[in-house]
Amino acid sequence: MVPILLPEAIKREFYSDSQKKELNSASDRKPEAPHPGARTPFDCCALSFQPFTHPVCARNADGTGNVFDLVNIIPWLKYRVLLQSLTCLTVNFALRQHNNTNPVTNEPLSPSDLTTLNYSRKEATGEIYDPISFKPFSEHSHIIAISITGNVFLAESIKGGRDLVADIQFEK
């Protein structure tokens, strides 16, 4: 004898009140947006989602920033320059597509706006760590980059508005 599989609605004709509420509330829920900080891991390029080798930061208007690998962001920004030798129709397409914009926020971005980041890495493992406290960075770390020097620290290591590696005063 072969068992017959029936849809859930046909299998069960009667639901309790709590089951009805659960079924109705599940259909009314809006899909949750991902957490803004969960876009990319701290050690990956925001454009390619691959671990970076030459990290640079594009600062946003609100003081936050996006980390890109230099080998990925420069071709993105220079795409329209490379196509200028082609037909006019292709150049217009390239201008609409990139036009020197940040690929994450679509705000204007030029190569001169990029800050080279200086991460401290352990030689044996390649693990990224804070040069002041020697704590390793994790997915839950609050990481701060100083735009003047490009040095990267844990937020808890920054006190007094001074880059302790380069011994330079900075403002938030």
Protein backbone atom coordinates (compact mmCIF):
# COMPACT_ATOMS: atom_id res chain seq x y z
CA MET A 1 0.00 0.00 0.00
CA VAL A 2 1.36 3.41 -1.02
CA PRO A 3 0.82 6.29 1.45
CA ILE A 4 -0.96 9.32 0.03
CA LEU A 5 0.56 12.67 0.94
CA LEU A 6 -1.96 15.46 1.39
CA PRO A 7 -1.33 19.18 1.77
CA GLU A 8 -1.38 20.48 5.35
CA ALA A 9 -4.70 22.27 4.86
CA ILE A 10 -6.44 19.07 3.79
CA LYS A 11 -4.77 16.90 6.42
CA ARG A 12 -5.98 19.02 9.26
CA GLU A 13 -9.40 20.60 9.15
CA PHE A 14 -9.50 22.03 12.66
CA TYR A 15 -7.01 24.39 14.28
CA SER A 16 -6.87 25.66 17.83
CA ASP A 17 -7.12 29.41 18.46
CA SER A 18 -3.40 29.72 19.15
CA GLN A 19 -2.57 27.90 15.91
CA LYS A 20 -4.89 30.22 13.95
CA LYS A 21 -3.19 33.29 15.47
CA GLU A 22 0.21 31.89 14.59
CA LEU A 23 -0.80 31.17 10.99
CA ASN A 24 -2.36 34.63 10.55
CA SER A 25 0.53 36.53 12.16
CA ALA A 26 3.10 34.67 10.04
CA SER A 27 1.44 35.87 6.85
CA ASP A 28 1.17 39.48 8.11
CA ARG A 29 4.89 39.86 8.97
CA LYS A 30 7.04 42.11 6.85
CA PRO A 31 10.37 40.72 5.71
CA GLU A 32 13.15 42.05 7.91
CA ALA A 33 15.90 44.12 6.32
CA PRO A 34 19.45 43.04 7.06
CA HIS A 35 21.28 44.93 9.78
CA PRO A 36 23.26 47.80 8.19
CA GLY A 37 26.49 46.64 9.82
CA ALA A 38 26.05 43.08 8.56
CA ARG A 39 26.70 43.92 4.92
CA THR A 40 30.28 42.75 4.65
CA PRO A 41 32.80 41.26 7.07
CA PHE A 42 35.33 43.72 8.50
CA ASP A 43 38.21 42.23 6.50
CA CYS A 44 36.50 42.12 3.09
CA CYS A 45 36.00 44.53 0.21
CA ALA A 46 32.48 45.99 0.03
CA LEU A 47 32.56 45.72 -3.78
CA SER A 48 33.89 42.18 -4.34
CA PHE A 49 33.08 40.64 -0.91
CA GLN A 50 36.56 39.06 -0.98
CA PRO A 51 39.33 39.58 1.61
CA PHE A 52 41.29 42.72 0.75
CA THR A 53 45.01 43.04 0.09
CA HIS A 54 45.24 46.85 -0.34
CA PRO A 55 42.44 48.30 1.84
CA VAL A 56 41.16 51.83 1.28
CA CYS A 57 38.25 53.64 2.92
CA ALA A 58 35.61 55.81 1.28
CA ARG A 59 34.20 58.14 3.92
CA ASN A 60 30.45 58.79 3.88
CA ALA A 61 28.76 62.09 4.73
CA ASP A 62 27.62 60.76 8.14
CA GLY A 63 31.20 59.94 9.24
CA THR A 64 30.98 56.22 8.58
CA GLY A 65 32.79 54.59 5.70
CA ASN A 66 33.07 51.63 3.39
CA VAL A 67 36.23 49.58 2.96
CA PHE A 68 37.24 48.58 -0.55
CA ASP A 69 40.21 46.82 -2.05
CA LEU A 70 42.19 49.28 -4.16
CA VAL A 71 42.38 46.81 -7.05
CA ASN A 72 38.55 46.70 -7.18
CA ILE A 73 37.49 50.31 -6.52
CA ILE A 74 39.87 52.06 -8.95
CA PRO A 75 38.58 50.17 -12.02
CA TRP A 76 35.03 50.91 -10.79
CA LEU A 77 35.75 54.65 -10.59
CA LYS A 78 37.80 54.79 -13.80
CA TYR A 79 35.35 52.74 -15.89
CA ARG A 80 34.10 55.79 -17.77
CA VAL A 81 37.65 56.97 -18.53
CA LEU A 82 38.57 53.62 -20.05
CA LEU A 83 35.57 53.70 -22.39
CA GLN A 84 36.04 57.25 -23.71
CA SER A 85 37.92 55.92 -26.72
CA LEU A 86 34.86 53.91 -27.77
CA THR A 87 31.70 55.22 -29.39
CA CYS A 88 29.66 58.02 -27.88
CA LEU A 89 26.78 55.66 -27.09
CA THR A 90 29.07 53.46 -24.97
CA VAL A 91 30.48 56.45 -23.09
CA ASN A 92 26.99 57.65 -22.20
CA PHE A 93 26.16 54.17 -20.90
CA ALA A 94 29.30 54.18 -18.75
CA LEU A 95 28.51 57.63 -17.36
CA ARG A 96 25.07 56.49 -16.28
CA GLN A 97 26.40 53.31 -14.74
CA HIS A 98 29.25 54.58 -12.52
CA ASN A 99 30.00 58.30 -12.95
CA ASN A 100 32.53 58.34 -10.06
CA THR A 101 30.05 57.14 -7.45
CA ASN A 102 30.45 55.05 -4.35
CA PRO A 103 29.13 51.57 -5.28
CA VAL A 104 27.46 51.14 -1.87
CA THR A 105 25.88 54.57 -1.25
CA ASN A 106 25.77 56.01 -4.82
CA GLU A 107 27.25 59.26 -3.45
CA PRO A 108 29.94 61.04 -5.50
CA LEU A 109 33.39 59.53 -4.99
CA SER A 110 36.73 60.24 -6.64
CA PRO A 111 40.05 58.43 -6.21
CA SER A 112 41.40 61.38 -4.20
CA ASP A 113 38.65 60.79 -1.59
CA LEU A 114 40.04 57.34 -0.74
CA THR A 115 42.14 56.89 2.40
CA THR A 116 44.69 54.08 2.51
CA LEU A 117 44.12 51.98 5.63
CA ASN A 118 46.96 50.64 7.75
CA TYR A 119 45.90 47.46 9.54
CA SER A 120 48.17 45.71 12.03
CA ARG A 121 48.57 42.00 11.26
CA LYS A 122 50.20 39.20 13.20
CA GLU A 123 53.03 37.85 11.09
CA ALA A 124 52.48 34.19 11.95
CA THR A 125 48.70 33.99 11.40
CA GLY A 126 47.85 37.12 9.40
CA GLU A 127 45.16 37.96 11.97
CA ILE A 128 44.18 41.65 12.14
CA TYR A 129 44.54 43.17 15.60
CA ASP A 130 44.46 46.50 17.43
CA PRO A 131 48.02 47.92 17.73
CA ILE A 132 47.28 49.53 21.12
CA SER A 133 45.51 46.77 23.08
CA PHE A 134 46.72 43.84 20.89
CA LYS A 135 43.16 42.48 20.85
CA PRO A 136 42.15 40.76 17.60
CA PHE A 137 39.32 42.24 15.54
CA SER A 138 36.12 40.23 15.29
CA GLU A 139 32.76 40.56 13.56
CA HIS A 140 31.45 42.34 16.67
CA SER A 141 34.33 44.82 17.07
CA HIS A 142 33.70 48.56 16.78
CA ILE A 143 36.50 49.52 14.42
CA ILE A 144 37.67 53.09 13.82
CA ALA A 145 39.95 54.37 11.06
CA ILE A 146 41.67 57.74 11.44
CA SER A 147 41.43 59.60 8.14
CA ILE A 148 44.64 61.61 8.61
CA THR A 149 46.95 58.62 9.07
CA GLY A 150 44.81 55.68 7.90
CA ASN A 151 45.61 53.74 11.07
CA VAL A 152 42.86 51.37 12.23
CA PHE A 153 42.00 50.77 15.90
CA LEU A 154 39.33 49.36 18.18
CA ALA A 155 37.05 52.15 19.43
CA GLU A 156 37.94 51.36 23.05
CA SER A 157 41.63 52.13 22.34
CA ILE A 158 40.98 55.67 21.10
CA LYS A 159 41.15 58.18 23.96
CA GLY A 160 41.97 61.86 23.97
CA GLY A 161 41.72 62.41 20.22
CA ARG A 162 45.26 61.21 19.56
CA ASP A 163 46.58 58.58 17.14
CA LEU A 164 48.98 56.76 19.46
CA VAL A 165 50.85 54.99 16.63
CA ALA A 166 51.66 58.11 14.60
CA ASP A 167 51.42 60.47 17.63
CA ILE A 168 49.14 62.89 15.76
CA GLN A 169 46.19 64.84 17.16
CA PHE A 170 42.86 64.38 15.30
CA GLU A 171 39.24 65.52 15.53
CA LYS A 172 36.11 63.45 15.20
